[in-house]
Amino acid sequence: MHKEEIGKDIVECAMKVHSALGPGLLESAYETCLAHELQKRWDIRRQVVLPLEYDGIKLDAGYRIDLLVENCVVVELKAVEKLNEVHFAQLLSYLRLGNYNLGFLLNFNVQRMKHGIRRVVNNN
């Protein structure tokens, strides 16, 4: 239930930020504001390094989780014209690499935030 409560708050906070700022800003602006809102309720970390394990060693391959909430829910932010499958694949890869099972893909470049939210579950 804890993850579901976090997820509900992520969506509510994203809608609050989008209502205040609207579409058209850089991803970093939305990330900063969403982090501010979520920090009022949860422990969050920004730009979390996610190493890639290859050949038995962990390598820093440049992967960064935008927001990690309570060390269990991954949030990937976008400010793009349209979400596509590569964005979904990116989040799913982060979930698999970090052994997380819940994530949210949030695109703030939409007229209504509800159209920019995608909940992703890693069943592995």
Protein backbone atom coordinates (compact mmCIF):
# COMPACT_ATOMS: atom_id res chain seq x y z
CA MET A 1 0.00 0.00 0.00
CA HIS A 2 2.92 2.32 0.72
CA LYS A 3 3.93 2.48 -2.95
CA GLU A 4 0.36 3.13 -4.03
CA GLU A 5 0.14 6.05 -1.59
CA ILE A 6 3.41 7.43 -2.97
CA GLY A 7 2.09 7.02 -6.52
CA LYS A 8 -1.09 8.89 -5.70
CA ASP A 9 0.95 11.76 -4.26
CA ILE A 10 3.26 11.82 -7.29
CA VAL A 11 0.27 12.25 -9.59
CA GLU A 12 -1.30 14.92 -7.35
CA CYS A 13 1.96 16.86 -7.11
CA ALA A 14 2.55 16.61 -10.87
CA MET A 15 -0.91 18.03 -11.50
CA LYS A 16 -0.29 20.85 -9.02
CA VAL A 17 3.03 21.76 -10.69
CA HIS A 18 1.50 21.58 -14.17
CA SER A 19 -1.46 23.74 -13.10
CA ALA A 20 0.93 26.39 -11.81
CA LEU A 21 3.46 26.33 -14.67
CA GLY A 22 1.63 24.97 -17.70
CA PRO A 23 3.40 23.38 -20.68
CA GLY A 24 6.40 24.78 -22.55
CA LEU A 25 9.18 24.90 -19.95
CA LEU A 26 12.35 22.85 -19.75
CA GLU A 27 12.28 19.44 -18.08
CA SER A 28 14.66 20.70 -15.38
CA ALA A 29 12.13 23.35 -14.26
CA TYR A 30 9.43 20.75 -13.78
CA GLU A 31 11.87 18.43 -12.00
CA THR A 32 12.87 21.16 -9.54
CA CYS A 33 9.27 22.10 -8.77
CA LEU A 34 8.04 18.51 -8.51
CA ALA A 35 10.95 17.65 -6.20
CA HIS A 36 10.00 20.62 -4.02
CA GLU A 37 6.38 19.43 -3.77
CA LEU A 38 7.29 15.81 -3.09
CA GLN A 39 9.87 16.74 -0.43
CA LYS A 40 7.03 18.12 1.67
CA ARG A 41 5.71 14.55 2.03
CA TRP A 42 8.42 12.04 1.19
CA ASP A 43 12.14 11.41 1.17
CA ILE A 44 13.32 12.02 -2.39
CA ARG A 45 16.62 12.01 -4.23
CA ARG A 46 17.31 13.75 -7.53
CA GLN A 47 19.49 12.58 -10.42
CA VAL A 48 20.31 9.25 -8.77
CA VAL A 49 23.21 7.43 -10.45
CA LEU A 50 22.11 4.04 -11.72
CA PRO A 51 25.07 1.81 -12.53
CA LEU A 52 24.97 -0.83 -15.21
CA GLU A 53 26.22 -4.27 -14.24
CA TYR A 54 28.22 -5.90 -17.00
CA ASP A 55 30.69 -8.76 -16.90
CA GLY A 56 30.40 -8.95 -13.12
CA ILE A 57 31.27 -5.30 -12.46
CA LYS A 58 29.20 -2.18 -11.92
CA LEU A 59 29.84 0.56 -14.46
CA ASP A 60 28.73 4.17 -14.43
CA ALA A 61 27.21 4.33 -17.91
CA GLY A 62 25.64 7.75 -17.42
CA TYR A 63 22.19 6.59 -16.37
CA ARG A 64 20.41 8.92 -13.94
CA ILE A 65 16.99 8.52 -12.35
CA ASP A 66 15.29 11.94 -12.35
CA LEU A 67 13.55 11.39 -9.00
CA LEU A 68 13.58 8.44 -6.61
CA VAL A 69 10.85 8.64 -3.98
CA GLU A 70 11.28 6.78 -0.68
CA ASN A 71 13.96 4.69 -2.40
CA CYS A 72 11.24 2.65 -4.10
CA VAL A 73 9.34 4.61 -6.78
CA VAL A 74 11.11 5.93 -9.89
CA VAL A 75 9.91 9.13 -11.57
CA GLU A 76 11.12 9.97 -15.08
CA LEU A 77 10.18 13.42 -16.33
CA LYS A 78 9.84 14.61 -19.91
CA ALA A 79 8.85 17.84 -21.61
CA VAL A 80 8.33 16.54 -25.13
CA GLU A 81 5.68 16.88 -27.82
CA LYS A 82 4.62 13.26 -27.41
CA LEU A 83 5.70 10.31 -25.30
CA ASN A 84 6.85 7.40 -27.41
CA GLU A 85 7.98 3.84 -26.85
CA VAL A 86 11.64 4.77 -26.28
CA HIS A 87 10.59 6.86 -23.24
CA PHE A 88 8.64 3.90 -21.88
CA ALA A 89 11.62 1.59 -22.56
CA GLN A 90 13.95 3.99 -20.74
CA LEU A 91 11.82 3.92 -17.59
CA LEU A 92 11.38 0.16 -17.76
CA SER A 93 15.17 -0.22 -18.09
CA TYR A 94 15.68 1.95 -14.99
CA LEU A 95 13.19 -0.18 -13.08
CA ARG A 96 14.98 -3.37 -14.12
CA LEU A 97 18.52 -2.07 -13.53
CA GLY A 98 17.63 -0.75 -10.08
CA ASN A 99 15.36 -3.65 -9.16
CA TYR A 100 12.41 -1.32 -8.60
CA ASN A 101 8.90 -2.35 -9.48
CA LEU A 102 6.95 0.93 -9.77
CA GLY A 103 7.65 4.00 -11.83
CA PHE A 104 5.93 7.00 -13.38
CA LEU A 105 6.65 8.57 -16.73
CA LEU A 106 5.47 12.19 -16.61
CA ASN A 107 5.32 14.42 -19.68
CA PHE A 108 4.69 18.05 -18.73
CA ASN A 109 4.42 19.33 -22.31
CA VAL A 110 0.69 18.61 -22.55
CA GLN A 111 -2.39 20.79 -22.22
CA ARG A 112 -3.87 18.57 -19.50
CA MET A 113 -1.51 16.74 -17.17
CA LYS A 114 -3.73 13.66 -17.04
CA HIS A 115 -2.69 12.99 -20.66
CA GLY A 116 1.00 13.06 -19.72
CA ILE A 117 0.98 10.43 -16.96
CA ARG A 118 1.98 6.83 -17.50
CA ARG A 119 2.29 4.36 -14.62
CA VAL A 120 4.78 1.56 -15.29
CA VAL A 121 5.18 -1.69 -13.35
CA ASN A 122 8.19 -3.98 -13.57
CA ASN A 123 6.96 -7.50 -12.96
CA ASN A 124 10.43 -9.09 -13.05
